[in-house]
């Protein structure tokens, strides 16, 4: 049902979180730090960066829209980047489905409701819908806090669940989804990016399976769809990690380690979104959860299994990403060793030549027959050059026989499909 192979690594993403103890200043493509020293000319330090370097401050800023310290927990703060609010209601039973714009307060006898709200800009409309459905002030205020940890709460005869679903993989972004299960209705509230519940809507219109049954099953279908969205994104990360591994092996350039660190930060964000999801679904598996009948529990256990599978993939990819860092460092070390080996070979070849040049460069008195008689020889210069050439040729031959130059290294793997040489 789900394709999730642990592949070996993606571009780092926007929406990163800043450390509360650090401040990053960045302007466009170049950061500028300026200061003046006792009336002298102002000095400006321009810190250049690559195109795939640090993200802008707005992209790295936390999603948390902090209210004033000491404010009431029921205070509602609309996110500055909230999208326009769109409210639609689906009225359904075993016979058919009707879609209406806006909120329908009276669905009619035997009708069930799915109220889907997209966008948080219209606070008054959302508060009115939540109040009509019996949701308290605290539960309503929490729907506007778009950085909540995934969890589920039982509020009397209502069940409120907060989830995080991915919006894009390149770069990685996610949004919060709030689901409320009540008597005869399901409320879904999302920040407004993408139509993530379109598969559920198509199933509801087709009337296949149990989708038009009790509202608890519709809640399961929405949670199951939200979890399914993680798998294609994780697979794309796995494919990118494979490509990064091949690129590191081929050419371990300096920019790749930055890319790998972005991957690690992305995977950490995913882990923060998936790890609490187990507890959120665990609350729904309790026997006393209102609106969820016993025959629905196996379906919610299936959701929990899929959440575990997605979390396992994230953990595997985090290990692979750390392995890519080690692979990059090893590749750089091997490249440096190759460079040092070439320099060592060149130096070794010149050692005997330097010895010969130094030997015949000594100024001894030629009156003695033992003091380099070849210095006065007619072919002495040619003799010295010949000795140097022979010594260099001898060293090159020795290195060739040892396999240091001109030969394939021992132990190198042959291309795929080729038999190893013997």
Protein backbone atom coordinates (compact mmCIF):
# COMPACT_ATOMS: atom_id res chain seq x y z
CA UNK A 1 0.00 0.00 0.00
CA UNK A 2 2.87 2.31 0.74
CA UNK A 3 6.15 2.39 -1.14
CA UNK A 4 8.90 3.27 1.28
CA UNK A 5 12.31 1.92 0.50
CA UNK A 6 15.17 3.25 2.59
CA UNK A 7 17.18 4.94 -0.12
CA UNK A 8 20.60 6.32 0.44
CA UNK A 9 19.86 11.32 0.50
CA UNK A 10 17.49 16.81 -0.81
CA UNK A 11 17.94 20.12 -1.05
CA UNK A 12 17.67 21.75 2.29
CA UNK A 13 14.58 23.51 2.93
CA UNK A 14 13.06 26.75 3.93
CA UNK A 15 11.06 27.18 7.11
CA UNK A 16 13.97 26.42 9.43
CA UNK A 17 13.90 27.32 13.06
CA UNK A 18 16.29 29.85 14.54
CA UNK A 19 17.96 29.16 17.84
CA UNK A 20 16.58 31.39 20.58
CA UNK A 21 20.13 32.22 21.64
CA UNK A 22 21.39 33.29 18.22
CA UNK A 23 20.70 36.15 15.82
CA UNK A 24 21.29 35.96 12.08
CA UNK A 25 21.41 39.12 9.99
CA UNK A 26 21.19 38.72 6.27
CA UNK A 27 20.28 40.98 3.38
CA UNK A 28 19.52 39.63 -0.06
CA UNK A 29 22.50 37.77 -1.47
CA UNK A 30 25.18 39.42 0.68
CA UNK A 31 25.28 40.16 4.36
CA UNK A 32 26.77 43.44 5.46
CA UNK A 33 28.34 44.20 8.80
CA UNK A 34 29.47 47.78 9.23
CA UNK A 35 31.10 49.77 11.96
CA UNK A 36 32.89 53.13 12.38
CA UNK A 37 36.14 53.64 14.27
CA UNK A 38 36.74 57.03 15.98
CA UNK A 39 35.82 59.32 13.12
CA UNK A 40 37.64 57.35 10.46
CA UNK A 41 36.06 56.11 7.29
CA UNK A 42 33.31 53.59 7.82
CA UNK A 43 34.44 50.02 7.24
CA UNK A 44 32.10 47.57 5.65
CA UNK A 45 32.63 43.85 5.75
CA UNK A 46 30.82 42.10 2.90
CA UNK A 47 30.27 38.44 3.54
CA UNK A 48 29.63 36.76 0.20
CA UNK A 49 27.84 33.49 -0.01
CA UNK A 50 27.00 30.91 -2.63
CA UNK A 51 23.56 30.79 -4.19
CA UNK A 52 22.84 27.65 -2.19
CA UNK A 53 24.13 29.16 1.06
CA UNK A 54 22.23 30.50 4.05
CA UNK A 55 18.52 31.12 3.75
CA UNK A 56 17.04 34.53 4.24
CA UNK A 57 15.93 35.51 7.71
CA UNK A 58 12.26 35.39 6.74
CA UNK A 59 12.63 31.82 5.53
CA UNK A 60 14.48 30.74 8.64
CA UNK A 61 12.16 32.49 11.08
CA UNK A 62 10.14 30.22 13.35
CA UNK A 63 6.51 29.59 12.52
CA UNK A 64 5.49 30.50 16.03
CA UNK A 65 3.43 33.69 16.21
CA UNK A 66 4.06 34.60 19.81
CA UNK A 67 1.42 36.43 21.74
CA UNK A 68 2.19 38.93 24.46
CA UNK A 69 3.61 37.47 27.62
CA UNK A 70 0.89 36.90 30.17
CA UNK A 71 -1.94 37.00 27.64
CA UNK A 72 -5.00 34.86 28.24
CA UNK A 73 -4.72 31.32 26.79
CA UNK A 74 -8.06 31.91 25.07
CA UNK A 75 -6.74 34.97 23.21
CA UNK A 76 -6.76 34.55 19.44
CA UNK A 77 -3.85 35.82 17.36
CA UNK A 78 -4.22 35.55 13.60
CA UNK A 79 -0.92 34.68 11.86
CA UNK A 80 0.35 37.59 9.72
CA UNK A 81 0.71 35.32 6.70
CA UNK A 82 -2.78 33.81 7.04
CA UNK A 83 -4.56 33.04 3.79
CA UNK A 84 -8.15 34.04 2.99
CA UNK A 85 -10.75 31.90 4.71
CA UNK A 86 -12.96 29.58 2.65
CA UNK A 87 -15.70 27.56 4.39
CA UNK A 88 -17.51 24.67 2.73
CA UNK A 89 -19.89 22.08 4.14
CA UNK A 90 -20.51 18.59 2.80
CA UNK A 91 -23.85 17.08 3.85
CA UNK A 92 -23.95 13.32 3.37
CA UNK A 93 -25.71 10.13 4.29
CA UNK A 94 -25.92 6.67 2.77
CA UNK A 95 -28.01 8.05 -0.10
CA UNK A 96 -25.89 10.91 -1.40
CA UNK A 97 -23.66 13.97 -0.86
CA UNK A 98 -24.34 17.70 -1.15
CA UNK A 99 -21.67 20.43 -1.16
CA UNK A 100 -22.60 23.93 0.01
CA UNK A 101 -20.56 27.07 0.40
CA UNK A 102 -20.34 28.44 3.91
CA UNK A 103 -21.38 26.85 7.17
CA UNK A 104 -24.64 24.89 7.39
CA UNK A 105 -25.97 25.03 10.94
CA UNK A 106 -28.93 22.68 10.40
CA UNK A 107 -27.99 19.68 8.27
CA UNK A 108 -31.41 18.09 8.38
CA UNK A 109 -32.66 14.80 9.77
CA UNK A 110 -30.15 11.95 9.41
CA UNK A 111 -27.56 14.07 7.65
CA UNK A 112 -23.93 14.17 8.69
CA UNK A 113 -21.63 17.14 8.13
CA UNK A 114 -18.04 17.65 7.09
CA UNK A 115 -17.10 21.30 7.54
CA UNK A 116 -13.83 22.08 5.73
CA UNK A 117 -12.20 25.46 6.49
CA UNK A 118 -9.17 26.63 4.53
CA UNK A 119 -7.26 29.73 5.63
CA UNK A 120 -7.10 31.53 8.99
CA UNK A 121 -7.54 35.16 7.93
CA UNK A 122 -11.22 35.53 8.86
CA UNK A 123 -11.10 35.07 12.61
CA UNK A 124 -14.73 35.97 13.19
CA UNK A 125 -16.05 33.38 10.72
CA UNK A 126 -13.91 30.60 12.22
CA UNK A 127 -14.89 31.52 15.78
CA UNK A 128 -18.57 31.54 14.79
CA UNK A 129 -18.34 28.06 13.27
CA UNK A 130 -16.44 26.69 16.28
CA UNK A 131 -18.94 28.21 18.70
CA UNK A 132 -21.88 26.75 16.78
CA UNK A 133 -20.27 23.31 16.91
CA UNK A 134 -19.78 23.49 20.68
CA UNK A 135 -16.02 23.97 20.72
CA UNK A 136 -14.77 25.90 23.75
CA UNK A 137 -12.75 29.10 23.77
CA UNK A 138 -9.47 27.32 24.52
CA UNK A 139 -9.91 24.78 21.75
CA UNK A 140 -10.81 27.56 19.32
CA UNK A 141 -7.74 29.62 20.26
CA UNK A 142 -5.43 26.64 19.82
CA UNK A 143 -6.50 26.27 16.20
CA UNK A 144 -4.78 29.58 15.44
CA UNK A 145 -1.47 28.49 17.00
CA UNK A 146 0.07 26.99 13.87
CA UNK A 147 3.19 25.54 15.46
CA UNK A 148 1.62 23.11 17.89
CA UNK A 149 2.98 19.70 18.68
CA UNK A 150 0.77 16.98 17.13
CA UNK A 151 -1.61 15.73 19.80
CA UNK A 152 -5.23 14.76 20.48
CA UNK A 153 -7.53 15.98 23.23
CA UNK A 154 -10.90 14.74 24.45
CA UNK A 155 -13.12 17.71 25.30
CA UNK A 156 -16.34 16.26 26.67
CA UNK A 157 -18.12 14.72 23.70
CA UNK A 158 -15.63 16.28 21.24
CA UNK A 159 -12.25 15.02 20.06
CA UNK A 160 -9.73 17.57 18.79
CA UNK A 161 -6.62 16.41 16.90
CA UNK A 162 -3.69 18.48 15.66
CA UNK A 163 -1.47 17.14 12.87
CA UNK A 164 1.32 18.38 10.64
CA UNK A 165 1.27 17.51 6.96
CA UNK A 166 3.96 18.23 4.34
CA UNK A 167 3.26 20.88 1.74
CA UNK A 168 6.37 20.57 -0.42
CA UNK A 169 9.59 18.59 -0.43
CA UNK A 170 11.76 20.99 -2.39
CA UNK A 171 12.05 22.93 -0.19
CA UNK A 172 10.41 21.19 2.76
CA UNK A 173 7.44 23.02 4.21
CA UNK A 174 4.56 21.80 6.32
CA UNK A 175 1.27 23.10 7.60
CA UNK A 176 -0.91 22.41 10.61
CA UNK A 177 -4.23 20.61 10.24
CA UNK A 178 -6.85 20.64 12.99
CA UNK A 179 -9.56 17.98 13.07
CA UNK A 180 -12.56 18.03 15.40
CA UNK A 181 -14.93 15.07 15.77
CA UNK A 182 -18.28 15.84 17.28
CA UNK A 183 -21.84 14.44 17.32
CA UNK A 184 -22.79 14.12 13.66
CA UNK A 185 -19.96 16.21 12.21
CA UNK A 186 -16.25 16.45 11.45
CA UNK A 187 -14.48 19.81 11.27
CA UNK A 188 -11.20 20.19 9.37
CA UNK A 189 -9.17 23.40 9.54
CA UNK A 190 -5.96 23.91 7.57
CA UNK A 191 -3.72 26.85 6.82
CA UNK A 192 -4.73 26.78 3.17
CA UNK A 193 -1.83 25.43 1.08
CA UNK A 194 -2.95 22.77 -1.38
CA UNK A 195 -6.08 20.65 -1.53
CA UNK A 196 -4.77 17.82 0.59
CA UNK A 197 -8.18 16.21 1.26
CA UNK A 198 -9.26 15.94 -2.36
CA UNK A 199 -8.93 12.08 -2.32
CA UNK A 200 -11.30 11.90 0.66
CA UNK A 201 -13.77 14.19 -1.06
CA UNK A 202 -13.75 12.02 -4.18
CA UNK A 203 -14.36 8.90 -2.09
CA UNK A 204 -17.21 10.65 -0.32
CA UNK A 205 -18.81 11.63 -3.61
CA UNK A 206 -18.35 8.12 -5.03
CA UNK A 207 -19.82 6.56 -1.88
CA UNK A 208 -17.38 3.66 -1.90
CA UNK A 209 -16.77 1.62 1.24
CA UNK A 210 -17.71 2.93 4.67
CA UNK A 211 -16.88 6.57 3.95
CA UNK A 212 -20.54 7.66 4.27
CA UNK A 213 -20.93 5.87 7.58
CA UNK A 214 -20.38 7.33 11.06
CA UNK A 215 -18.28 10.46 11.36
CA UNK A 216 -15.57 8.58 13.23
CA UNK A 217 -14.70 6.74 10.02
CA UNK A 218 -14.45 10.05 8.14
CA UNK A 219 -12.00 11.20 10.80
CA UNK A 220 -9.94 8.08 10.15
CA UNK A 221 -9.97 8.77 6.40
CA UNK A 222 -8.72 12.33 6.92
CA UNK A 223 -5.92 11.24 9.28
CA UNK A 224 -4.94 8.39 6.96
CA UNK A 225 -4.71 10.79 4.00
CA UNK A 226 -2.60 13.22 6.04
CA UNK A 227 -0.14 10.45 6.92
CA UNK A 228 -0.02 9.15 3.35
CA UNK A 229 1.24 12.54 2.18
CA UNK A 230 4.56 11.90 3.97
CA UNK A 231 5.59 8.89 1.89
CA UNK A 232 6.03 10.48 -1.58
CA UNK A 233 8.00 13.30 0.01
CA UNK A 234 10.23 10.91 1.95
CA UNK A 235 10.88 8.90 -1.21
CA UNK A 236 11.94 12.07 -3.01
CA UNK A 237 14.38 12.76 -0.18
CA UNK A 238 15.73 9.24 -0.54
CA UNK A 239 16.27 9.70 -4.28
CA UNK A 240 18.05 12.98 -3.66
CA UNK A 241 20.30 11.34 -1.08
CA UNK A 242 21.21 8.69 -3.65
CA UNK A 243 22.14 11.41 -6.12
CA UNK A 244 24.17 13.24 -3.47
CA UNK A 245 26.08 10.06 -2.64
CA UNK A 246 27.05 9.55 -6.28
CA UNK A 247 28.05 13.19 -6.60
CA UNK A 248 30.20 13.04 -3.47
CA UNK A 249 31.98 9.96 -4.77
CA UNK A 250 32.54 11.60 -8.17
CA UNK A 251 33.49 15.11 -7.08
CA UNK A 252 33.36 15.98 -3.35
CA UNK A 253 33.14 19.74 -3.74
CA UNK A 254 32.83 21.99 -0.70
CA UNK A 255 29.19 22.99 -1.34
CA UNK A 256 27.93 19.44 -0.92
CA UNK A 257 28.50 19.35 2.82
CA UNK A 258 26.23 22.40 3.17
CA UNK A 259 23.57 20.55 1.21
CA UNK A 260 23.89 17.52 3.46
CA UNK A 261 23.57 19.64 6.60
CA UNK A 262 20.38 21.14 5.18
CA UNK A 263 19.07 17.64 4.68
CA UNK A 264 19.80 16.82 8.29
CA UNK A 265 17.92 19.89 9.46
CA UNK A 266 14.97 18.99 7.22
CA UNK A 267 14.88 15.48 8.59
CA UNK A 268 14.96 16.84 12.12
CA UNK A 269 11.89 18.96 11.34
CA UNK A 270 10.15 15.87 9.97
CA UNK A 271 11.00 13.89 13.08
CA UNK A 272 9.50 16.64 15.25
CA UNK A 273 6.29 16.36 13.25
CA UNK A 274 6.06 12.56 13.18
CA UNK A 275 7.30 11.53 16.61
CA UNK A 276 4.34 12.99 18.60
CA UNK A 277 1.90 11.64 16.01
CA UNK A 278 2.05 8.24 17.68
CA UNK A 279 0.68 9.65 20.93
CA UNK A 280 -1.98 11.63 19.07
CA UNK A 281 -3.31 8.46 17.42
CA UNK A 282 -2.91 6.55 20.69
CA UNK A 283 -5.51 8.81 22.32
CA UNK A 284 -7.98 7.88 19.57
CA UNK A 285 -7.41 4.18 20.23
CA UNK A 286 -8.84 4.34 23.73
CA UNK A 287 -12.12 2.55 24.19
CA UNK A 288 -13.79 5.54 25.84
CA UNK A 289 -13.02 8.00 23.02
CA UNK A 290 -16.35 9.58 22.02
CA UNK A 291 -17.47 9.16 18.42
CA UNK A 292 -15.11 6.24 17.67
CA UNK A 293 -16.79 2.84 17.70
CA UNK A 294 -15.04 -0.43 18.43
CA UNK A 295 -15.11 -1.63 14.81
CA UNK A 296 -13.12 1.50 13.82
CA UNK A 297 -10.18 0.77 16.12
CA UNK A 298 -8.36 -1.55 13.65
CA UNK A 299 -8.41 1.27 11.08
CA UNK A 300 -6.85 3.70 13.52
CA UNK A 301 -4.24 1.07 14.42
CA UNK A 302 -3.43 0.90 10.72
CA UNK A 303 -2.88 4.69 10.80
CA UNK A 304 -0.56 4.24 13.75
CA UNK A 305 1.42 1.59 11.85
CA UNK A 306 1.82 3.93 8.89
CA UNK A 307 2.97 6.72 11.19
CA UNK A 308 5.59 4.34 12.64
CA UNK A 309 6.69 3.41 9.12
CA UNK A 310 7.13 7.07 8.13
CA UNK A 311 9.05 7.75 11.34
CA UNK A 312 11.31 4.74 10.66
CA UNK A 313 12.08 6.11 7.21
CA UNK A 314 13.01 9.46 8.72
CA UNK A 315 15.33 7.78 11.23
CA UNK A 316 16.99 5.74 8.46
CA UNK A 317 17.49 8.84 6.34
CA UNK A 318 19.03 10.67 9.29
CA UNK A 319 21.57 7.88 9.62
CA UNK A 320 22.22 7.99 5.88
CA UNK A 321 22.67 11.77 6.02
CA UNK A 322 25.25 11.40 8.77
CA UNK A 323 26.95 8.75 6.64
CA UNK A 324 27.05 11.23 3.75
CA UNK A 325 28.91 13.71 5.96
CA UNK A 326 31.47 11.03 6.83
CA UNK A 327 31.69 10.02 3.17
CA UNK A 328 32.33 13.62 2.13
CA UNK A 329 35.10 14.01 4.69
CA UNK A 330 36.63 10.71 3.63
CA UNK A 331 36.49 11.73 -0.03
CA UNK A 332 38.20 15.03 0.72
CA UNK A 333 40.84 13.19 2.73
CA UNK A 334 41.41 10.72 -0.11
CA UNK A 335 41.76 13.58 -2.58
CA UNK A 336 44.31 15.26 -0.33
CA UNK A 337 46.19 11.96 -0.03
CA UNK A 338 46.27 11.67 -3.83
CA UNK A 339 47.68 15.17 -4.11
CA UNK A 340 50.29 14.46 -1.46
CA UNK A 341 51.21 11.22 -3.21
CA UNK A 342 51.84 13.04 -6.50
CA UNK A 343 53.96 15.64 -4.76
CA UNK A 344 55.86 12.91 -2.90
CA UNK A 345 56.56 11.03 -6.18
CA UNK A 346 57.83 14.20 -7.86
CA UNK A 347 60.04 14.98 -4.86
CA UNK A 348 61.36 11.42 -4.75
CA UNK A 349 62.26 11.52 -8.44
CA UNK A 350 64.28 14.69 -7.91
CA UNK A 351 66.14 13.38 -4.84
CA UNK A 352 68.85 11.45 -6.78
CA UNK A 353 69.05 14.23 -9.37
CA UNK A 354 69.61 16.74 -6.57
CA UNK A 355 72.29 14.47 -5.10
CA UNK A 356 74.13 14.28 -8.43
CA UNK A 357 73.91 18.04 -8.94
CA UNK A 358 75.18 18.66 -5.42
CA UNK A 359 77.99 16.11 -5.79
CA UNK A 360 79.40 17.63 -8.94
CA UNK A 361 78.85 21.12 -7.62
CA UNK A 362 81.49 20.71 -4.89
CA UNK A 363 84.61 22.85 -5.56
CA UNK A 364 87.58 20.57 -4.85
CA UNK A 365 91.11 21.21 -6.03
CA UNK A 366 91.57 19.34 -9.30
CA UNK A 367 95.33 18.90 -8.82
CA UNK A 368 94.68 15.65 -6.94
CA UNK A 369 93.78 12.65 -9.18
CA UNK A 370 91.16 11.61 -6.60
CA UNK A 371 89.18 14.88 -6.68
CA UNK A 372 86.60 14.28 -9.43
CA UNK A 373 88.74 13.84 -12.50
CA UNK A 374 85.58 13.88 -14.66
CA UNK A 375 85.18 17.59 -13.96
CA UNK A 376 87.90 18.21 -16.51
CA UNK A 377 86.55 15.57 -18.89
CA UNK A 378 85.30 16.72 -22.26
CA UNK A 379 81.96 14.92 -21.83
CA UNK A 380 81.54 15.63 -18.10
CA UNK A 381 78.43 17.78 -18.53
CA UNK A 382 76.73 15.20 -20.70
CA UNK A 383 77.73 12.52 -18.20
CA UNK A 384 76.05 14.35 -15.32
CA UNK A 385 72.85 14.92 -17.33
CA UNK A 386 72.80 11.26 -18.36
CA UNK A 387 73.14 10.15 -14.73
CA UNK A 388 70.22 12.38 -13.78
CA UNK A 389 68.05 11.06 -16.61
CA UNK A 390 68.87 7.43 -15.78
CA UNK A 391 68.10 7.96 -12.08
CA UNK A 392 64.77 9.62 -12.89
CA UNK A 393 63.87 6.82 -15.33
CA UNK A 394 64.81 4.20 -12.74
CA UNK A 395 62.58 5.83 -10.11
CA UNK A 396 59.65 6.07 -12.52
CA UNK A 397 60.07 2.39 -13.43
CA UNK A 398 60.09 1.39 -9.76
CA UNK A 399 56.91 3.39 -9.09
CA UNK A 400 55.28 1.83 -12.13
CA UNK A 401 56.15 -1.68 -10.94
CA UNK A 402 54.70 -0.87 -7.53
CA UNK A 403 51.46 0.28 -9.18
CA UNK A 404 51.71 3.82 -7.91
CA UNK A 405 51.58 5.40 -11.36
CA UNK A 406 50.29 4.32 -14.74
CA UNK A 407 48.32 1.32 -13.46
CA UNK A 408 44.88 0.65 -12.13
CA UNK A 409 44.77 0.54 -8.37
CA UNK A 410 44.36 -2.82 -6.80
CA UNK A 411 41.01 -3.50 -5.20
CA UNK A 412 39.04 -0.99 -7.28
CA UNK A 413 35.57 -2.30 -8.08
CA UNK A 414 34.87 -2.97 -11.77
CA UNK A 415 31.88 -1.31 -13.47
CA UNK A 416 28.49 -2.94 -13.04
CA UNK A 417 28.15 -6.04 -15.20
CA UNK A 418 31.90 -6.48 -15.77
CA UNK A 419 33.83 -9.41 -14.41
CA UNK A 420 36.74 -8.53 -12.11
CA UNK A 421 40.15 -8.73 -13.67
CA UNK A 422 42.39 -11.55 -12.54
